[in-house]
């Protein structure tokens, strides 16, 4: 999935917030870095979100 889909799955966060989240050391590494942007494995992102969703919510509040 790309950054836009990650933004949507995180509840419509801003591009800047999505960049902050995807740049975290504990966020899954992208599987590809294409001309259009980075791409992550859906299952990796969903697993990360399940484990860290509370952290993401706390920072946004």
PDB file of N, CA and C in Angstrom:
ATOM      1  N   UNK A   1       0.842  -1.169   0.000  1.00  0.00           N
ATOM      2  CA  UNK A   1       0.000   0.000   0.000  1.00  0.00           C
ATOM      3  C   UNK A   1       0.885   1.228   0.000  1.00  0.00           C
ATOM      4  N   UNK A   2       0.371   2.292  -0.560  1.00  0.00           N
ATOM      5  CA  UNK A   2       1.117   3.533  -0.625  1.00  0.00           C
ATOM      6  C   UNK A   2       0.772   4.455   0.533  1.00  0.00           C
ATOM      7  N   UNK A   3       1.424   5.599   0.567  1.00  0.00           N
ATOM      8  CA  UNK A   3       1.240   6.550   1.657  1.00  0.00           C
ATOM      9  C   UNK A   3      -0.208   7.039   1.751  1.00  0.00           C
ATOM     10  N   UNK A   4      -0.854   7.234   0.617  1.00  0.00           N
ATOM     11  CA  UNK A   4      -2.246   7.715   0.648  1.00  0.00           C
ATOM     12  C   UNK A   4      -3.157   6.700   1.333  1.00  0.00           C
ATOM     13  N   UNK A   5      -2.993   5.434   1.005  1.00  0.00           N
ATOM     14  CA  UNK A   5      -3.820   4.410   1.642  1.00  0.00           C
ATOM     15  C   UNK A   5      -3.513   4.316   3.138  1.00  0.00           C
ATOM     16  N   UNK A   6      -2.262   4.480   3.499  1.00  0.00           N
ATOM     17  CA  UNK A   6      -1.907   4.487   4.922  1.00  0.00           C
ATOM     18  C   UNK A   6      -2.597   5.653   5.615  1.00  0.00           C
ATOM     19  N   UNK A   7      -2.590   6.824   4.984  1.00  0.00           N
ATOM     20  CA  UNK A   7      -3.281   7.985   5.557  1.00  0.00           C
ATOM     21  C   UNK A   7      -4.752   7.687   5.807  1.00  0.00           C
ATOM     22  N   UNK A   8      -5.406   7.065   4.859  1.00  0.00           N
ATOM     23  CA  UNK A   8      -6.821   6.743   4.999  1.00  0.00           C
ATOM     24  C   UNK A   8      -7.033   5.756   6.141  1.00  0.00           C
ATOM     25  N   UNK A   9      -6.214   4.712   6.184  1.00  0.00           N
ATOM     26  CA  UNK A   9      -6.370   3.692   7.232  1.00  0.00           C
ATOM     27  C   UNK A   9      -6.065   4.222   8.624  1.00  0.00           C
ATOM     28  N   UNK A  10      -5.293   5.291   8.692  1.00  0.00           N
ATOM     29  CA  UNK A  10      -5.010   5.916   9.984  1.00  0.00           C
ATOM     30  C   UNK A  10      -6.049   6.973  10.337  1.00  0.00           C
ATOM     31  N   UNK A  11      -7.120   7.003   9.613  1.00  0.00           N
ATOM     32  CA  UNK A  11      -8.209   7.905   9.948  1.00  0.00           C
ATOM     33  C   UNK A  11      -8.155   9.245   9.251  1.00  0.00           C
ATOM     34  N   UNK A  12      -7.453   9.311   8.128  1.00  0.00           N
ATOM     35  CA  UNK A  12      -7.405  10.548   7.361  1.00  0.00           C
ATOM     36  C   UNK A  12      -6.393  11.554   7.891  1.00  0.00           C
ATOM     37  N   UNK A  13      -5.283  11.057   8.410  1.00  0.00           N
ATOM     38  CA  UNK A  13      -4.250  11.961   8.922  1.00  0.00           C
ATOM     39  C   UNK A  13      -3.639  12.770   7.777  1.00  0.00           C
ATOM     40  N   UNK A  14      -2.974  13.847   8.131  1.00  0.00           N
ATOM     41  CA  UNK A  14      -2.335  14.707   7.128  1.00  0.00           C
ATOM     42  C   UNK A  14      -1.145  13.994   6.489  1.00  0.00           C
ATOM     43  N   UNK A  15      -0.687  14.526   5.370  1.00  0.00           N
ATOM     44  CA  UNK A  15       0.508  13.968   4.724  1.00  0.00           C
ATOM     45  C   UNK A  15       1.713  14.058   5.648  1.00  0.00           C
ATOM     46  N   UNK A  16       1.808  15.178   6.365  1.00  0.00           N
ATOM     47  CA  UNK A  16       2.931  15.361   7.277  1.00  0.00           C
ATOM     48  C   UNK A  16       2.902  14.327   8.397  1.00  0.00           C
ATOM     49  N   UNK A  17       1.713  14.079   8.937  1.00  0.00           N
ATOM     50  CA  UNK A  17       1.583  13.099  10.026  1.00  0.00           C
ATOM     51  C   UNK A  17       1.891  11.705   9.504  1.00  0.00           C
ATOM     52  N   UNK A  18       1.423  11.376   8.309  1.00  0.00           N
ATOM     53  CA  UNK A  18       1.711  10.060   7.722  1.00  0.00           C
ATOM     54  C   UNK A  18       3.215   9.892   7.524  1.00  0.00           C
ATOM     55  N   UNK A  19       3.886  10.954   7.102  1.00  0.00           N
ATOM     56  CA  UNK A  19       5.342  10.895   6.934  1.00  0.00           C
ATOM     57  C   UNK A  19       6.020  10.647   8.274  1.00  0.00           C
ATOM     58  N   UNK A  20       5.558  11.342   9.316  1.00  0.00           N
ATOM     59  CA  UNK A  20       6.125  11.134  10.653  1.00  0.00           C
ATOM     60  C   UNK A  20       5.968   9.682  11.089  1.00  0.00           C
ATOM     61  N   UNK A  21       4.797   9.131  10.864  1.00  0.00           N
ATOM     62  CA  UNK A  21       4.524   7.754  11.291  1.00  0.00           C
ATOM     63  C   UNK A  21       5.356   6.766  10.479  1.00  0.00           C
ATOM     64  N   UNK A  22       5.382   6.922   9.162  1.00  0.00           N
ATOM     65  CA  UNK A  22       6.108   5.970   8.326  1.00  0.00           C
ATOM     66  C   UNK A  22       7.620   6.111   8.473  1.00  0.00           C
ATOM     67  N   UNK A  23       8.074   7.212   9.056  1.00  0.00           N
ATOM     68  CA  UNK A  23       9.508   7.407   9.291  1.00  0.00           C
ATOM     69  C   UNK A  23       9.971   6.879  10.646  1.00  0.00           C
ATOM     70  N   UNK A  24       9.034   6.442  11.468  1.00  0.00           N
ATOM     71  CA  UNK A  24       9.399   5.912  12.781  1.00  0.00           C
ATOM     72  C   UNK A  24      10.285   4.679  12.610  1.00  0.00           C
ATOM     73  N   UNK A  25      11.212   4.515  13.534  1.00  0.00           N
ATOM     74  CA  UNK A  25      12.132   3.376  13.471  1.00  0.00           C
ATOM     75  C   UNK A  25      11.398   2.052  13.582  1.00  0.00           C
ATOM     76  N   UNK A  26      10.251   2.043  14.280  1.00  0.00           N
ATOM     77  CA  UNK A  26       9.527   0.782  14.466  1.00  0.00           C
ATOM     78  C   UNK A  26       8.473   0.526  13.387  1.00  0.00           C
ATOM     79  N   UNK A  27       8.339   1.445  12.423  1.00  0.00           N
ATOM     80  CA  UNK A  27       7.388   1.239  11.326  1.00  0.00           C
ATOM     81  C   UNK A  27       8.021   0.281  10.314  1.00  0.00           C
ATOM     82  N   UNK A  28       7.226  -0.601   9.712  1.00  0.00           N
ATOM     83  CA  UNK A  28       7.795  -1.549   8.732  1.00  0.00           C
ATOM     84  C   UNK A  28       8.535  -0.841   7.596  1.00  0.00           C
ATOM     85  N   UNK A  29       9.574  -1.475   7.141  1.00  0.00           N
ATOM     86  CA  UNK A  29      10.328  -0.933   6.005  1.00  0.00           C
ATOM     87  C   UNK A  29       9.502  -1.095   4.725  1.00  0.00           C
ATOM     88  N   UNK A  30       9.612  -0.136   3.815  1.00  0.00           N
ATOM     89  CA  UNK A  30       8.883  -0.287   2.542  1.00  0.00           C
ATOM     90  C   UNK A  30       9.453  -1.454   1.747  1.00  0.00           C
ATOM     91  N   UNK A  31       8.578  -2.085   0.968  1.00  0.00           N
ATOM     92  CA  UNK A  31       9.022  -3.201   0.129  1.00  0.00           C
ATOM     93  C   UNK A  31       9.556  -2.702  -1.204  1.00  0.00           C
ATOM     94  N   UNK A  32       9.228  -1.455  -1.552  1.00  0.00           N
ATOM     95  CA  UNK A  32       9.729  -0.866  -2.797  1.00  0.00           C
ATOM     96  C   UNK A  32       9.714   0.648  -2.662  1.00  0.00           C
ATOM     97  N   UNK A  33      10.613   1.285  -3.387  1.00  0.00           N
ATOM     98  CA  UNK A  33      10.659   2.742  -3.447  1.00  0.00           C
ATOM     99  C   UNK A  33      10.552   3.125  -4.923  1.00  0.00           C
ATOM    100  N   UNK A  34       9.320   3.384  -5.345  1.00  0.00           N
ATOM    101  CA  UNK A  34       9.026   3.660  -6.746  1.00  0.00           C
ATOM    102  C   UNK A  34       9.088   5.154  -7.026  1.00  0.00           C
ATOM    103  N   UNK A  35       9.016   5.522  -8.286  1.00  0.00           N
ATOM    104  CA  UNK A  35       9.004   6.935  -8.660  1.00  0.00           C
ATOM    105  C   UNK A  35       7.823   7.667  -8.010  1.00  0.00           C
ATOM    106  N   UNK A  36       6.703   6.967  -7.831  1.00  0.00           N
ATOM    107  CA  UNK A  36       5.507   7.565  -7.223  1.00  0.00           C
ATOM    108  C   UNK A  36       5.596   7.628  -5.706  1.00  0.00           C
ATOM    109  N   UNK A  37       6.553   6.936  -5.116  1.00  0.00           N
ATOM    110  CA  UNK A  37       6.696   6.921  -3.672  1.00  0.00           C
ATOM    111  C   UNK A  37       6.946   5.521  -3.146  1.00  0.00           C
ATOM    112  N   UNK A  38       7.044   5.438  -1.845  1.00  0.00           N
ATOM    113  CA  UNK A  38       7.310   4.155  -1.199  1.00  0.00           C
ATOM    114  C   UNK A  38       6.050   3.304  -1.143  1.00  0.00           C
ATOM    115  N   UNK A  39       6.257   1.991  -1.110  1.00  0.00           N
ATOM    116  CA  UNK A  39       5.159   1.036  -1.041  1.00  0.00           C
ATOM    117  C   UNK A  39       5.467   0.051   0.080  1.00  0.00           C
ATOM    118  N   UNK A  40       4.454  -0.184   0.918  1.00  0.00           N
ATOM    119  CA  UNK A  40       4.599  -1.106   2.043  1.00  0.00           C
ATOM    120  C   UNK A  40       3.697  -2.315   1.852  1.00  0.00           C
ATOM    121  N   UNK A  41       4.106  -3.433   2.447  1.00  0.00           N
ATOM    122  CA  UNK A  41       3.270  -4.632   2.425  1.00  0.00           C
ATOM    123  C   UNK A  41       2.065  -4.392   3.337  1.00  0.00           C
ATOM    124  N   UNK A  42       0.875  -4.615   2.814  1.00  0.00           N
ATOM    125  CA  UNK A  42      -0.353  -4.365   3.562  1.00  0.00           C
ATOM    126  C   UNK A  42      -0.357  -5.094   4.893  1.00  0.00           C
ATOM    127  N   UNK A  43       0.026  -6.368   4.888  1.00  0.00           N
ATOM    128  CA  UNK A  43      -0.005  -7.144   6.141  1.00  0.00           C
ATOM    129  C   UNK A  43       0.960  -6.583   7.184  1.00  0.00           C
ATOM    130  N   UNK A  44       2.097  -6.046   6.748  1.00  0.00           N
ATOM    131  CA  UNK A  44       3.049  -5.438   7.684  1.00  0.00           C
ATOM    132  C   UNK A  44       2.471  -4.174   8.320  1.00  0.00           C
ATOM    133  N   UNK A  45       1.860  -3.344   7.491  1.00  0.00           N
ATOM    134  CA  UNK A  45       1.277  -2.092   7.988  1.00  0.00           C
ATOM    135  C   UNK A  45       0.112  -2.391   8.922  1.00  0.00           C
ATOM    136  N   UNK A  46      -0.752  -3.329   8.546  1.00  0.00           N
ATOM    137  CA  UNK A  46      -1.902  -3.654   9.396  1.00  0.00           C
ATOM    138  C   UNK A  46      -1.454  -4.230  10.735  1.00  0.00           C
ATOM    139  N   UNK A  47      -0.418  -5.060  10.736  1.00  0.00           N
ATOM    140  CA  UNK A  47       0.105  -5.611  11.981  1.00  0.00           C
ATOM    141  C   UNK A  47       0.680  -4.498  12.854  1.00  0.00           C
ATOM    142  N   UNK A  48       1.399  -3.561  12.228  1.00  0.00           N
ATOM    143  CA  UNK A  48       1.959  -2.436  12.977  1.00  0.00           C
ATOM    144  C   UNK A  48       0.838  -1.590  13.577  1.00  0.00           C
ATOM    145  N   UNK A  49      -0.193  -1.312  12.770  1.00  0.00           N
ATOM    146  CA  UNK A  49      -1.305  -0.506  13.255  1.00  0.00           C
ATOM    147  C   UNK A  49      -2.005  -1.172  14.426  1.00  0.00           C
ATOM    148  N   UNK A  50      -2.189  -2.466  14.345  1.00  0.00           N
ATOM    149  CA  UNK A  50      -2.850  -3.193  15.433  1.00  0.00           C
ATOM    150  C   UNK A  50      -2.040  -3.078  16.721  1.00  0.00           C
ATOM    151  N   UNK A  51      -0.727  -3.155  16.600  1.00  0.00           N
ATOM    152  CA  UNK A  51       0.140  -3.103  17.780  1.00  0.00           C
ATOM    153  C   UNK A  51       0.351  -1.685  18.301  1.00  0.00           C
ATOM    154  N   UNK A  52       0.255  -0.677  17.425  1.00  0.00           N
ATOM    155  CA  UNK A  52       0.619   0.686  17.807  1.00  0.00           C
ATOM    156  C   UNK A  52      -0.507   1.698  17.701  1.00  0.00           C
ATOM    157  N   UNK A  53      -1.675   1.285  17.414  1.00  0.00           N
ATOM    158  CA  UNK A  53      -2.765   2.237  17.186  1.00  0.00           C
ATOM    159  C   UNK A  53      -2.938   3.189  18.367  1.00  0.00           C
ATOM    160  N   UNK A  54      -2.812   2.703  19.568  1.00  0.00           N
ATOM    161  CA  UNK A  54      -2.968   3.567  20.740  1.00  0.00           C
ATOM    162  C   UNK A  54      -1.919   4.677  20.740  1.00  0.00           C
ATOM    163  N   UNK A  55      -0.672   4.331  20.395  1.00  0.00           N
ATOM    164  CA  UNK A  55       0.408   5.324  20.312  1.00  0.00           C
ATOM    165  C   UNK A  55       0.059   6.408  19.298  1.00  0.00           C
ATOM    166  N   UNK A  56      -0.455   5.995  18.158  1.00  0.00           N
ATOM    167  CA  UNK A  56      -0.806   6.946  17.096  1.00  0.00           C
ATOM    168  C   UNK A  56      -1.930   7.855  17.578  1.00  0.00           C
ATOM    169  N   UNK A  57      -2.947   7.281  18.215  1.00  0.00           N
ATOM    170  CA  UNK A  57      -4.064   8.076  18.726  1.00  0.00           C
ATOM    171  C   UNK A  57      -3.597   9.065  19.786  1.00  0.00           C
ATOM    172  N   UNK A  58      -2.707   8.630  20.680  1.00  0.00           N
ATOM    173  CA  UNK A  58      -2.237   9.503  21.756  1.00  0.00           C
ATOM    174  C   UNK A  58      -1.502  10.719  21.211  1.00  0.00           C
ATOM    175  N   UNK A  59      -0.712  10.532  20.177  1.00  0.00           N
ATOM    176  CA  UNK A  59       0.061  11.644  19.607  1.00  0.00           C
ATOM    177  C   UNK A  59      -0.869  12.630  18.917  1.00  0.00           C
ATOM    178  N   UNK A  60      -1.918  12.127  18.293  1.00  0.00           N
ATOM    179  CA  UNK A  60      -2.842  12.992  17.555  1.00  0.00           C
ATOM    180  C   UNK A  60      -3.719  13.832  18.472  1.00  0.00           C
ATOM    181  N   UNK A  61      -4.003  13.343  19.671  1.00  0.00           N
ATOM    182  CA  UNK A  61      -4.926  14.031  20.585  1.00  0.00           C
ATOM    183  C   UNK A  61      -4.365  15.324  21.123  1.00  0.00           C
TER     184      UNK A  61
END
